[in-house]
Amino acid sequence: MQGVHDSADLVLASGDKIIGGPQAGIVVGKKACVQRLSRHVLARTCRPGKLTLSALEATLAVYLAGRAWEEMPTVRMLNTSEQELSERANANRKGYFRYGIEGRYFSRYDRMRRCGLTWSSPSHLDRSS
């Protein structure tokens, strides 16, 4: 929604990547622009089916009910602590080692720190609001 707040006419998003729902293209924006897009000759080829719409509705209902942190795997993963990620990675590394595969784990935080970057959750996922 940041794009809409920044006065974008249209914002396109992937349903599975942005909200952890079904694979679906999501379009939000100014009413006139969305209507114009929906009347385009190719719009019929991009219509979602009933199952996709049902899954998308169920996913959005979880967000509206405020249960996304508990029920949505994508959101839960975004909230995973660095400690837990390190423990998972080390467990995987040990499992690979049994099969003769060596590996080193660098968390996303380690990689980002090396590049001079910091990590924060997207503001729309902030639990405090």
C-alpha atoms as a PDB file:
ATOM      1  CA  MET A   1       0.000   0.000   0.000  1.00  0.00           C
ATOM      2  CA  GLN A   2       3.026   2.279   0.264  1.00  0.00           C
ATOM      3  CA  GLY A   3       2.815   2.890  -3.481  1.00  0.00           C
ATOM      4  CA  VAL A   4      -0.797   4.032  -3.168  1.00  0.00           C
ATOM      5  CA  HIS A   5       0.110   6.320  -0.262  1.00  0.00           C
ATOM      6  CA  ASP A   6       2.925   7.732  -2.407  1.00  0.00           C
ATOM      7  CA  SER A   7       0.315   8.735  -5.038  1.00  0.00           C
ATOM      8  CA  ALA A   8       0.936   5.946  -7.556  1.00  0.00           C
ATOM      9  CA  ASP A   9      -1.976   5.572  -9.969  1.00  0.00           C
ATOM     10  CA  LEU A  10      -1.660   1.774  -9.982  1.00  0.00           C
ATOM     11  CA  VAL A  11       0.212  -0.698  -7.815  1.00  0.00           C
ATOM     12  CA  LEU A  12       0.693  -4.292  -8.951  1.00  0.00           C
ATOM     13  CA  ALA A  13       1.565  -7.035  -6.480  1.00  0.00           C
ATOM     14  CA  SER A  14       1.888 -10.794  -6.336  1.00  0.00           C
ATOM     15  CA  GLY A  15      -0.663 -12.426  -4.030  1.00  0.00           C
ATOM     16  CA  ASP A  16       1.585 -15.281  -2.981  1.00  0.00           C
ATOM     17  CA  LYS A  17       4.665 -13.141  -2.383  1.00  0.00           C
ATOM     18  CA  ILE A  18       3.164 -10.055  -0.768  1.00  0.00           C
ATOM     19  CA  ILE A  19       0.487 -11.610   1.467  1.00  0.00           C
ATOM     20  CA  GLY A  20       1.256 -15.323   1.418  1.00  0.00           C
ATOM     21  CA  GLY A  21      -1.952 -16.183  -0.392  1.00  0.00           C
ATOM     22  CA  PRO A  22      -2.675 -17.845  -3.717  1.00  0.00           C
ATOM     23  CA  GLN A  23      -0.787 -17.040  -6.881  1.00  0.00           C
ATOM     24  CA  ALA A  24      -2.673 -14.016  -8.113  1.00  0.00           C
ATOM     25  CA  GLY A  25      -1.917 -10.637  -9.566  1.00  0.00           C
ATOM     26  CA  ILE A  26      -3.305  -7.926  -7.314  1.00  0.00           C
ATOM     27  CA  VAL A  27      -4.030  -4.464  -8.667  1.00  0.00           C
ATOM     28  CA  VAL A  28      -4.860  -1.528  -6.413  1.00  0.00           C
ATOM     29  CA  GLY A  29      -4.965   2.164  -7.162  1.00  0.00           C
ATOM     30  CA  LYS A  30      -7.086   5.041  -8.303  1.00  0.00           C
ATOM     31  CA  LYS A  31     -10.576   3.937  -9.259  1.00  0.00           C
ATOM     32  CA  ALA A  32     -10.439   5.371 -12.784  1.00  0.00           C
ATOM     33  CA  CYS A  33      -7.136   3.617 -13.514  1.00  0.00           C
ATOM     34  CA  VAL A  34      -8.272   0.254 -12.167  1.00  0.00           C
ATOM     35  CA  GLN A  35     -11.516   0.491 -14.174  1.00  0.00           C
ATOM     36  CA  ARG A  36      -9.629   1.394 -17.341  1.00  0.00           C
ATOM     37  CA  LEU A  37      -7.291  -1.553 -16.816  1.00  0.00           C
ATOM     38  CA  SER A  38     -10.226  -3.922 -16.257  1.00  0.00           C
ATOM     39  CA  ARG A  39     -11.739  -2.891 -19.599  1.00  0.00           C
ATOM     40  CA  HIS A  40      -8.550  -3.667 -21.522  1.00  0.00           C
ATOM     41  CA  VAL A  41      -8.934  -6.369 -24.179  1.00  0.00           C
ATOM     42  CA  LEU A  42      -6.411  -8.622 -22.387  1.00  0.00           C
ATOM     43  CA  ALA A  43      -8.205  -8.385 -19.033  1.00  0.00           C
ATOM     44  CA  ARG A  44     -10.338 -11.435 -19.861  1.00  0.00           C
ATOM     45  CA  THR A  45      -7.212 -13.569 -20.165  1.00  0.00           C
ATOM     46  CA  CYS A  46      -6.099 -12.567 -16.684  1.00  0.00           C
ATOM     47  CA  ARG A  47      -9.311 -13.200 -14.777  1.00  0.00           C
ATOM     48  CA  PRO A  48      -8.843 -15.357 -11.679  1.00  0.00           C
ATOM     49  CA  GLY A  49     -10.942 -18.462 -11.207  1.00  0.00           C
ATOM     50  CA  LYS A  50     -13.395 -19.083  -8.383  1.00  0.00           C
ATOM     51  CA  LEU A  51     -10.877 -21.127  -6.379  1.00  0.00           C
ATOM     52  CA  THR A  52      -8.259 -18.375  -6.582  1.00  0.00           C
ATOM     53  CA  LEU A  53     -10.782 -15.742  -5.516  1.00  0.00           C
ATOM     54  CA  SER A  54     -11.943 -17.921  -2.635  1.00  0.00           C
ATOM     55  CA  ALA A  55      -8.371 -18.522  -1.444  1.00  0.00           C
ATOM     56  CA  LEU A  56      -7.552 -14.821  -1.765  1.00  0.00           C
ATOM     57  CA  GLU A  57     -10.670 -13.900   0.221  1.00  0.00           C
ATOM     58  CA  ALA A  58      -9.744 -16.375   2.981  1.00  0.00           C
ATOM     59  CA  THR A  59      -6.190 -15.009   3.132  1.00  0.00           C
ATOM     60  CA  LEU A  60      -7.366 -11.411   3.381  1.00  0.00           C
ATOM     61  CA  ALA A  61      -9.883 -12.392   6.076  1.00  0.00           C
ATOM     62  CA  VAL A  62      -7.006 -13.648   8.245  1.00  0.00           C
ATOM     63  CA  TYR A  63      -5.284 -10.262   7.915  1.00  0.00           C
ATOM     64  CA  LEU A  64      -8.479  -8.327   8.631  1.00  0.00           C
ATOM     65  CA  ALA A  65      -9.100 -10.442  11.740  1.00  0.00           C
ATOM     66  CA  GLY A  66      -5.590  -9.600  12.999  1.00  0.00           C
ATOM     67  CA  ARG A  67      -4.458 -13.235  13.018  1.00  0.00           C
ATOM     68  CA  ALA A  68      -1.775 -13.049  10.317  1.00  0.00           C
ATOM     69  CA  TRP A  69       1.136 -13.266  12.792  1.00  0.00           C
ATOM     70  CA  GLU A  70      -0.178 -16.581  14.069  1.00  0.00           C
ATOM     71  CA  GLU A  71      -1.683 -18.155  10.949  1.00  0.00           C
ATOM     72  CA  MET A  72       0.227 -16.960   7.888  1.00  0.00           C
ATOM     73  CA  PRO A  73       3.468 -18.904   7.312  1.00  0.00           C
ATOM     74  CA  THR A  74       5.019 -16.045   5.317  1.00  0.00           C
ATOM     75  CA  VAL A  75       4.420 -13.516   8.066  1.00  0.00           C
ATOM     76  CA  ARG A  76       5.578 -15.932  10.780  1.00  0.00           C
ATOM     77  CA  MET A  77       8.828 -16.447   8.886  1.00  0.00           C
ATOM     78  CA  LEU A  78       9.404 -12.687   8.627  1.00  0.00           C
ATOM     79  CA  ASN A  79       9.153 -12.530  12.396  1.00  0.00           C
ATOM     80  CA  THR A  80      11.606 -15.382  13.061  1.00  0.00           C
ATOM     81  CA  SER A  81      14.477 -14.330  15.325  1.00  0.00           C
ATOM     82  CA  GLU A  82      18.057 -14.392  14.154  1.00  0.00           C
ATOM     83  CA  GLN A  83      18.807 -16.930  16.894  1.00  0.00           C
ATOM     84  CA  GLU A  84      16.153 -19.354  15.622  1.00  0.00           C
ATOM     85  CA  LEU A  85      17.318 -18.937  12.019  1.00  0.00           C
ATOM     86  CA  SER A  86      20.893 -19.682  13.106  1.00  0.00           C
ATOM     87  CA  GLU A  87      19.778 -22.787  14.993  1.00  0.00           C
ATOM     88  CA  ARG A  88      17.837 -24.058  11.962  1.00  0.00           C
ATOM     89  CA  ALA A  89      20.750 -23.393   9.626  1.00  0.00           C
ATOM     90  CA  ASN A  90      23.219 -25.155  11.901  1.00  0.00           C
ATOM     91  CA  ALA A  91      20.920 -28.160  12.205  1.00  0.00           C
ATOM     92  CA  ASN A  92      20.701 -28.308   8.398  1.00  0.00           C
ATOM     93  CA  ARG A  93      24.467 -27.933   8.090  1.00  0.00           C
ATOM     94  CA  LYS A  94      25.041 -30.831  10.490  1.00  0.00           C
ATOM     95  CA  GLY A  95      22.588 -32.951   8.500  1.00  0.00           C
ATOM     96  CA  TYR A  96      24.415 -32.194   5.264  1.00  0.00           C
ATOM     97  CA  PHE A  97      27.767 -32.960   6.888  1.00  0.00           C
ATOM     98  CA  ARG A  98      26.596 -36.530   7.559  1.00  0.00           C
ATOM     99  CA  TYR A  99      26.381 -36.968   3.797  1.00  0.00           C
ATOM    100  CA  GLY A 100      29.821 -35.493   3.165  1.00  0.00           C
ATOM    101  CA  ILE A 101      28.582 -32.033   2.251  1.00  0.00           C
ATOM    102  CA  GLU A 102      30.258 -29.150   4.028  1.00  0.00           C
ATOM    103  CA  GLY A 103      28.719 -25.759   4.384  1.00  0.00           C
ATOM    104  CA  ARG A 104      28.879 -22.455   6.186  1.00  0.00           C
ATOM    105  CA  TYR A 105      25.878 -20.452   7.205  1.00  0.00           C
ATOM    106  CA  PHE A 106      25.639 -16.679   7.120  1.00  0.00           C
ATOM    107  CA  SER A 107      22.360 -15.238   8.258  1.00  0.00           C
ATOM    108  CA  ARG A 108      20.656 -12.527   6.259  1.00  0.00           C
ATOM    109  CA  TYR A 109      21.706 -10.213   9.084  1.00  0.00           C
ATOM    110  CA  ASP A 110      25.374 -11.161   8.663  1.00  0.00           C
ATOM    111  CA  ARG A 111      25.222 -10.574   4.913  1.00  0.00           C
ATOM    112  CA  MET A 112      23.413  -7.288   5.336  1.00  0.00           C
ATOM    113  CA  ARG A 113      25.841  -6.052   8.010  1.00  0.00           C
ATOM    114  CA  ARG A 114      28.761  -6.809   5.694  1.00  0.00           C
ATOM    115  CA  CYS A 115      27.111  -4.576   3.113  1.00  0.00           C
ATOM    116  CA  GLY A 116      26.449  -1.816   5.656  1.00  0.00           C
ATOM    117  CA  LEU A 117      22.693  -2.441   5.678  1.00  0.00           C
ATOM    118  CA  THR A 118      20.265  -2.947   8.536  1.00  0.00           C
ATOM    119  CA  TRP A 119      17.139  -5.092   8.757  1.00  0.00           C
ATOM    120  CA  SER A 120      13.672  -4.042   9.806  1.00  0.00           C
ATOM    121  CA  SER A 121      10.262  -5.560   9.232  1.00  0.00           C
ATOM    122  CA  PRO A 122       8.081  -3.835   6.647  1.00  0.00           C
ATOM    123  CA  SER A 123       5.975  -1.170   8.356  1.00  0.00           C
ATOM    124  CA  HIS A 124       2.699  -2.824   7.300  1.00  0.00           C
ATOM    125  CA  LEU A 125       3.755  -5.899   9.289  1.00  0.00           C
ATOM    126  CA  ASP A 126       4.613  -3.985  12.452  1.00  0.00           C
ATOM    127  CA  ARG A 127       2.794  -5.580  15.353  1.00  0.00           C
ATOM    128  CA  SER A 128       2.725  -2.410  17.443  1.00  0.00           C
ATOM    129  CA  SER A 129       0.192  -0.662  15.225  1.00  0.00           C
END
